[in-house]
Every structure is written in C-alpha cells, then in structure tokens.
Amino acid sequence: MKNRISIKILLLLVFSFMANLCWCQNNVLSKHQMTKIFRPDDDHTEWTICNQDSSFFKADTLRLYDNINYFYQKSDCCRLVQWDFYRKNAFRRPILQICTEPASGSVLTENDYFKIKFLSDKSGLYLFVLNRKYPPDFFKVIGLQEVGLANNNKSRVILLKRLMSKRPIVAPLY
C-alpha cells in the first residue's frame, strides 16, 4: 500500500513538473502586447538583430534583442540590424558594425523607414514589415524570452519565424 502511494505521488510530481514546463514555454503574445513592446519610450525604442553573413535577410528565424549589450557580452556577432521605433508601428532600419572601433552605422535614406502591422488568428500572431521599396516581410511571432546579462541586467528576446512560402490571404495595406 505504501509503494502505491509513493508511486502516485511520484507520478503526480512528474506530471505537475511537465505541465508547469509546458505552460512556461507557451508565452503566446497578443497584438496589444506586441504593440506595447514596440512602442517607443521617450524618443525611440531599439531592437537589435544579428546580421552576420547577412543572416537578417536570409535566416528563417530572427531573434530581436532590446539591449544591445547582449552583442558585446554574449555573442560574437558584430554586424547588426536595428529596428529603431520612433513612432507606434513605425521604425528606421540602420545597419551597424561593432567589429572594429569606432563602431559605425549606415546613413538612413527614405528606403530605411518601415511600418509594421499585426494580424492574429487561431494559428497565432503574425507580423508584417512594410516598406515602399521592398516586398513585404511576413513573420510568425513565436514568443518572448529574457536573457541575463552582466551586472544583473537583462535583455528581452523576441523570436520571429520568417514565412517565405506562405503569404497571407489578406495583407494589410501600407
């Protein structure tokens, strides 16, 4: 009888641990949350993406970091793309390098200004990046995580999955 109780308790503990693990990984974001995350504080809010070997333009998964110190402390990536939000749902996209001192960045032109739109349905949240010159980029928002940095600092990380073959039925207009 005692063995049966201890097996039940063990199974209950394992099940509750697995349920908690699954629940913690299911950090689905809403349109409202994403709009709030990208909303500029003061003058602007920057999100930085690794662009080593043009990975920003080629990779199927992007990680956006809200603290550029991540790249100085935890990554060997020194070529970066920033989404610099200056207005709700609008950002500039400078290209940066921090490989050699002094760090430098591209000069912005009218082609470096983008708008974002969100679309939500039963399969998830989607992000559309729109620009007058370039074809739109489509991403599925996978989730939001947090990474620890030196001196108790943190960086939030947004994970986006690029949708290459799937175009939405109704694309938002610019």
C-alpha atoms as a PDB file:
ATOM      1  CA  MET A   1       0.000   0.000   0.000  1.00  0.00           C
ATOM      2  CA  LYS A   2       2.836   2.379   0.869  1.00  0.00           C
ATOM      3  CA  ASN A   3       4.521   1.680  -2.505  1.00  0.00           C
ATOM      4  CA  ARG A   4       1.328   2.509  -4.334  1.00  0.00           C
ATOM      5  CA  ILE A   5       1.006   5.860  -2.587  1.00  0.00           C
ATOM      6  CA  SER A   6       4.629   6.787  -3.258  1.00  0.00           C
ATOM      7  CA  ILE A   7       4.242   5.865  -6.969  1.00  0.00           C
ATOM      8  CA  LYS A   8       1.103   8.017  -7.173  1.00  0.00           C
ATOM      9  CA  ILE A   9       2.909  10.912  -5.515  1.00  0.00           C
ATOM     10  CA  LEU A  10       5.880  10.479  -7.843  1.00  0.00           C
ATOM     11  CA  LEU A  11       3.600  10.418 -10.890  1.00  0.00           C
ATOM     12  CA  LEU A  12       1.748  13.479  -9.617  1.00  0.00           C
ATOM     13  CA  LEU A  13       5.031  15.362  -9.123  1.00  0.00           C
ATOM     14  CA  VAL A  14       6.308  14.403 -12.591  1.00  0.00           C
ATOM     15  CA  PHE A  15       3.003  15.391 -14.198  1.00  0.00           C
ATOM     16  CA  SER A  16       2.875  18.735 -12.395  1.00  0.00           C
ATOM     17  CA  PHE A  17       6.511  19.448 -13.355  1.00  0.00           C
ATOM     18  CA  MET A  18       5.807  18.647 -17.027  1.00  0.00           C
ATOM     19  CA  ALA A  19       2.617  20.725 -17.026  1.00  0.00           C
ATOM     20  CA  ASN A  20       4.469  23.659 -15.486  1.00  0.00           C
ATOM     21  CA  LEU A  21       7.291  23.321 -18.030  1.00  0.00           C
ATOM     22  CA  CYS A  22       4.827  23.273 -20.932  1.00  0.00           C
ATOM     23  CA  TRP A  23       2.903  26.227 -19.510  1.00  0.00           C
ATOM     24  CA  CYS A  24       6.071  28.321 -19.087  1.00  0.00           C
ATOM     25  CA  GLN A  25       7.100  27.745 -22.688  1.00  0.00           C
ATOM     26  CA  ASN A  26       3.694  28.756 -24.026  1.00  0.00           C
ATOM     27  CA  ASN A  27       4.272  32.512 -23.945  1.00  0.00           C
ATOM     28  CA  VAL A  28       1.987  33.477 -26.802  1.00  0.00           C
ATOM     29  CA  LEU A  29       1.837  37.221 -27.289  1.00  0.00           C
ATOM     30  CA  SER A  30      -1.182  39.273 -28.281  1.00  0.00           C
ATOM     31  CA  LYS A  31      -1.362  42.190 -30.730  1.00  0.00           C
ATOM     32  CA  HIS A  32      -1.771  44.536 -27.785  1.00  0.00           C
ATOM     33  CA  GLN A  33       1.314  43.161 -26.018  1.00  0.00           C
ATOM     34  CA  MET A  34       3.462  43.378 -29.164  1.00  0.00           C
ATOM     35  CA  THR A  35       2.313  46.936 -29.871  1.00  0.00           C
ATOM     36  CA  LYS A  36       3.195  47.856 -26.289  1.00  0.00           C
ATOM     37  CA  ILE A  37       6.620  46.160 -26.570  1.00  0.00           C
ATOM     38  CA  PHE A  38       7.466  48.060 -29.766  1.00  0.00           C
ATOM     39  CA  ARG A  39       6.008  51.392 -28.581  1.00  0.00           C
ATOM     40  CA  PRO A  40       8.796  53.973 -28.314  1.00  0.00           C
ATOM     41  CA  ASP A  41       9.803  55.110 -24.829  1.00  0.00           C
ATOM     42  CA  ASP A  42      10.816  58.775 -24.737  1.00  0.00           C
ATOM     43  CA  ASP A  43      12.147  59.302 -28.267  1.00  0.00           C
ATOM     44  CA  HIS A  44      12.613  55.733 -29.513  1.00  0.00           C
ATOM     45  CA  THR A  45      12.937  52.023 -28.712  1.00  0.00           C
ATOM     46  CA  GLU A  46      15.626  49.904 -30.343  1.00  0.00           C
ATOM     47  CA  TRP A  47      15.550  46.194 -31.108  1.00  0.00           C
ATOM     48  CA  THR A  48      18.780  44.716 -32.472  1.00  0.00           C
ATOM     49  CA  ILE A  49      19.205  41.663 -34.718  1.00  0.00           C
ATOM     50  CA  CYS A  50      22.413  39.839 -35.702  1.00  0.00           C
ATOM     51  CA  ASN A  51      23.323  40.310 -39.366  1.00  0.00           C
ATOM     52  CA  GLN A  52      26.494  38.222 -39.540  1.00  0.00           C
ATOM     53  CA  ASP A  53      26.754  36.844 -43.114  1.00  0.00           C
ATOM     54  CA  SER A  54      23.529  38.738 -43.978  1.00  0.00           C
ATOM     55  CA  SER A  55      21.586  36.410 -41.667  1.00  0.00           C
ATOM     56  CA  PHE A  56      18.954  39.101 -41.043  1.00  0.00           C
ATOM     57  CA  PHE A  57      17.946  38.882 -44.702  1.00  0.00           C
ATOM     58  CA  LYS A  58      18.436  35.111 -45.159  1.00  0.00           C
ATOM     59  CA  ALA A  59      17.658  33.326 -41.888  1.00  0.00           C
ATOM     60  CA  ASP A  60      14.289  31.685 -41.331  1.00  0.00           C
ATOM     61  CA  THR A  61      14.315  32.630 -37.624  1.00  0.00           C
ATOM     62  CA  LEU A  62      15.185  36.041 -36.193  1.00  0.00           C
ATOM     63  CA  ARG A  63      15.962  36.987 -32.606  1.00  0.00           C
ATOM     64  CA  LEU A  64      15.378  40.627 -31.689  1.00  0.00           C
ATOM     65  CA  TYR A  65      17.173  41.902 -28.555  1.00  0.00           C
ATOM     66  CA  ASP A  66      16.132  45.068 -26.737  1.00  0.00           C
ATOM     67  CA  ASN A  67      19.553  45.530 -25.093  1.00  0.00           C
ATOM     68  CA  ILE A  68      22.494  45.977 -27.498  1.00  0.00           C
ATOM     69  CA  ASN A  69      24.861  44.954 -24.686  1.00  0.00           C
ATOM     70  CA  TYR A  70      23.832  41.365 -25.419  1.00  0.00           C
ATOM     71  CA  PHE A  71      26.079  41.506 -28.504  1.00  0.00           C
ATOM     72  CA  TYR A  72      29.036  42.875 -26.519  1.00  0.00           C
ATOM     73  CA  GLN A  73      28.679  40.333 -23.706  1.00  0.00           C
ATOM     74  CA  LYS A  74      27.144  37.125 -25.024  1.00  0.00           C
ATOM     75  CA  SER A  75      27.618  36.972 -28.782  1.00  0.00           C
ATOM     76  CA  ASP A  76      30.394  37.058 -31.342  1.00  0.00           C
ATOM     77  CA  CYS A  77      28.071  38.771 -33.828  1.00  0.00           C
ATOM     78  CA  CYS A  78      29.343  42.239 -34.664  1.00  0.00           C
ATOM     79  CA  ARG A  79      27.269  43.137 -37.750  1.00  0.00           C
ATOM     80  CA  LEU A  80      23.802  44.228 -36.705  1.00  0.00           C
ATOM     81  CA  VAL A  81      20.471  45.479 -37.984  1.00  0.00           C
ATOM     82  CA  GLN A  82      18.340  47.647 -35.727  1.00  0.00           C
ATOM     83  CA  TRP A  83      14.637  48.272 -35.674  1.00  0.00           C
ATOM     84  CA  ASP A  84      14.599  51.746 -34.172  1.00  0.00           C
ATOM     85  CA  PHE A  85      10.959  52.536 -33.350  1.00  0.00           C
ATOM     86  CA  TYR A  86      10.363  56.264 -33.449  1.00  0.00           C
ATOM     87  CA  ARG A  87       6.547  56.055 -33.657  1.00  0.00           C
ATOM     88  CA  LYS A  88       3.938  53.473 -32.834  1.00  0.00           C
ATOM     89  CA  ASN A  89       4.207  50.806 -35.577  1.00  0.00           C
ATOM     90  CA  ALA A  90       6.974  52.662 -37.468  1.00  0.00           C
ATOM     91  CA  PHE A  91      10.725  52.126 -37.359  1.00  0.00           C
ATOM     92  CA  ARG A  92      14.015  53.026 -39.032  1.00  0.00           C
ATOM     93  CA  ARG A  93      16.404  50.236 -40.020  1.00  0.00           C
ATOM     94  CA  PRO A  94      20.076  51.241 -39.731  1.00  0.00           C
ATOM     95  CA  ILE A  95      22.825  48.691 -40.392  1.00  0.00           C
ATOM     96  CA  LEU A  96      25.574  48.743 -37.730  1.00  0.00           C
ATOM     97  CA  GLN A  97      29.002  47.251 -37.186  1.00  0.00           C
ATOM     98  CA  ILE A  98      30.690  46.923 -33.810  1.00  0.00           C
ATOM     99  CA  CYS A  99      33.566  44.729 -35.071  1.00  0.00           C
ATOM    100  CA  THR A 100      36.160  47.488 -35.138  1.00  0.00           C
ATOM    101  CA  GLU A 101      36.483  50.736 -33.239  1.00  0.00           C
ATOM    102  CA  PRO A 102      34.939  53.127 -33.751  1.00  0.00           C
ATOM    103  CA  ALA A 103      31.593  51.439 -34.250  1.00  0.00           C
ATOM    104  CA  SER A 104      29.704  52.757 -37.259  1.00  0.00           C
ATOM    105  CA  GLY A 105      26.329  52.637 -38.935  1.00  0.00           C
ATOM    106  CA  SER A 106      24.678  53.230 -42.264  1.00  0.00           C
ATOM    107  CA  VAL A 107      23.287  56.580 -43.307  1.00  0.00           C
ATOM    108  CA  LEU A 108      19.491  56.422 -43.335  1.00  0.00           C
ATOM    109  CA  THR A 109      17.574  57.105 -46.535  1.00  0.00           C
ATOM    110  CA  GLU A 110      13.848  57.083 -47.262  1.00  0.00           C
ATOM    111  CA  ASN A 111      14.191  53.350 -48.073  1.00  0.00           C
ATOM    112  CA  ASP A 112      15.159  52.622 -44.452  1.00  0.00           C
ATOM    113  CA  TYR A 113      11.760  53.553 -42.975  1.00  0.00           C
ATOM    114  CA  PHE A 114       9.270  50.753 -42.337  1.00  0.00           C
ATOM    115  CA  LYS A 115       5.836  50.167 -40.865  1.00  0.00           C
ATOM    116  CA  ILE A 116       4.601  47.091 -39.081  1.00  0.00           C
ATOM    117  CA  LYS A 117       1.133  45.579 -38.911  1.00  0.00           C
ATOM    118  CA  PHE A 118      -0.136  42.676 -36.849  1.00  0.00           C
ATOM    119  CA  LEU A 119      -2.647  40.021 -37.789  1.00  0.00           C
ATOM    120  CA  SER A 120      -3.943  37.495 -35.310  1.00  0.00           C
ATOM    121  CA  ASP A 121      -5.906  34.339 -35.996  1.00  0.00           C
ATOM    122  CA  LYS A 122      -6.398  30.928 -34.387  1.00  0.00           C
ATOM    123  CA  SER A 123      -2.958  29.749 -35.560  1.00  0.00           C
ATOM    124  CA  GLY A 124      -1.062  32.633 -33.958  1.00  0.00           C
ATOM    125  CA  LEU A 125       0.145  36.200 -34.236  1.00  0.00           C
ATOM    126  CA  TYR A 126       1.749  37.455 -37.451  1.00  0.00           C
ATOM    127  CA  LEU A 127       3.947  40.490 -38.065  1.00  0.00           C
ATOM    128  CA  PHE A 128       4.104  42.258 -41.435  1.00  0.00           C
ATOM    129  CA  VAL A 129       7.013  44.575 -42.220  1.00  0.00           C
ATOM    130  CA  LEU A 130       6.126  47.046 -44.967  1.00  0.00           C
ATOM    131  CA  ASN A 131       8.233  49.459 -46.990  1.00  0.00           C
ATOM    132  CA  ARG A 132       7.614  51.373 -50.211  1.00  0.00           C
ATOM    133  CA  LYS A 133      10.681  49.963 -51.964  1.00  0.00           C
ATOM    134  CA  TYR A 134      10.979  46.358 -50.754  1.00  0.00           C
ATOM    135  CA  PRO A 135       8.495  43.478 -50.876  1.00  0.00           C
ATOM    136  CA  PRO A 136       6.832  42.912 -47.500  1.00  0.00           C
ATOM    137  CA  ASP A 137       8.327  40.517 -44.972  1.00  0.00           C
ATOM    138  CA  PHE A 138       5.985  38.167 -43.105  1.00  0.00           C
ATOM    139  CA  PHE A 139       6.805  36.648 -39.720  1.00  0.00           C
ATOM    140  CA  LYS A 140       5.049  34.461 -37.212  1.00  0.00           C
ATOM    141  CA  VAL A 141       5.634  35.668 -33.651  1.00  0.00           C
ATOM    142  CA  ILE A 142       6.931  32.653 -31.733  1.00  0.00           C
ATOM    143  CA  GLY A 143       7.447  34.165 -28.305  1.00  0.00           C
ATOM    144  CA  LEU A 144       9.256  36.402 -25.862  1.00  0.00           C
ATOM    145  CA  GLN A 145      12.107  35.348 -23.596  1.00  0.00           C
ATOM    146  CA  GLU A 146      14.529  37.028 -21.243  1.00  0.00           C
ATOM    147  CA  VAL A 147      18.322  36.617 -21.188  1.00  0.00           C
ATOM    148  CA  GLY A 148      20.520  37.562 -18.257  1.00  0.00           C
ATOM    149  CA  LEU A 149      23.458  39.914 -18.815  1.00  0.00           C
ATOM    150  CA  ALA A 150      26.291  41.193 -16.621  1.00  0.00           C
ATOM    151  CA  ASN A 151      25.555  43.309 -13.529  1.00  0.00           C
ATOM    152  CA  ASN A 152      22.021  41.908 -13.187  1.00  0.00           C
ATOM    153  CA  ASN A 153      20.953  43.497 -16.482  1.00  0.00           C
ATOM    154  CA  LYS A 154      18.599  41.673 -18.802  1.00  0.00           C
ATOM    155  CA  SER A 155      17.596  41.660 -22.431  1.00  0.00           C
ATOM    156  CA  ARG A 156      14.207  40.682 -23.761  1.00  0.00           C
ATOM    157  CA  VAL A 157      14.335  38.498 -26.871  1.00  0.00           C
ATOM    158  CA  ILE A 158      11.529  38.294 -29.420  1.00  0.00           C
ATOM    159  CA  LEU A 159      11.612  35.194 -31.600  1.00  0.00           C
ATOM    160  CA  LEU A 160      10.197  35.574 -35.138  1.00  0.00           C
ATOM    161  CA  LYS A 161       9.793  32.840 -37.755  1.00  0.00           C
ATOM    162  CA  ARG A 162      10.061  34.113 -41.343  1.00  0.00           C
ATOM    163  CA  LEU A 163       7.240  32.894 -43.574  1.00  0.00           C
ATOM    164  CA  MET A 164       8.677  32.506 -47.049  1.00  0.00           C
ATOM    165  CA  SER A 165       6.195  30.374 -48.897  1.00  0.00           C
ATOM    166  CA  LYS A 166       3.036  31.281 -47.028  1.00  0.00           C
ATOM    167  CA  ARG A 167       1.557  34.633 -47.975  1.00  0.00           C
ATOM    168  CA  PRO A 168      -1.464  35.810 -46.017  1.00  0.00           C
ATOM    169  CA  ILE A 169      -4.810  35.870 -47.729  1.00  0.00           C
ATOM    170  CA  VAL A 170      -5.406  39.455 -46.634  1.00  0.00           C
ATOM    171  CA  ALA A 171      -2.268  41.537 -46.339  1.00  0.00           C
ATOM    172  CA  PRO A 172      -2.521  44.836 -44.506  1.00  0.00           C
ATOM    173  CA  LEU A 173      -2.137  47.887 -46.689  1.00  0.00           C
ATOM    174  CA  TYR A 174       0.686  50.349 -46.209  1.00  0.00           C
END
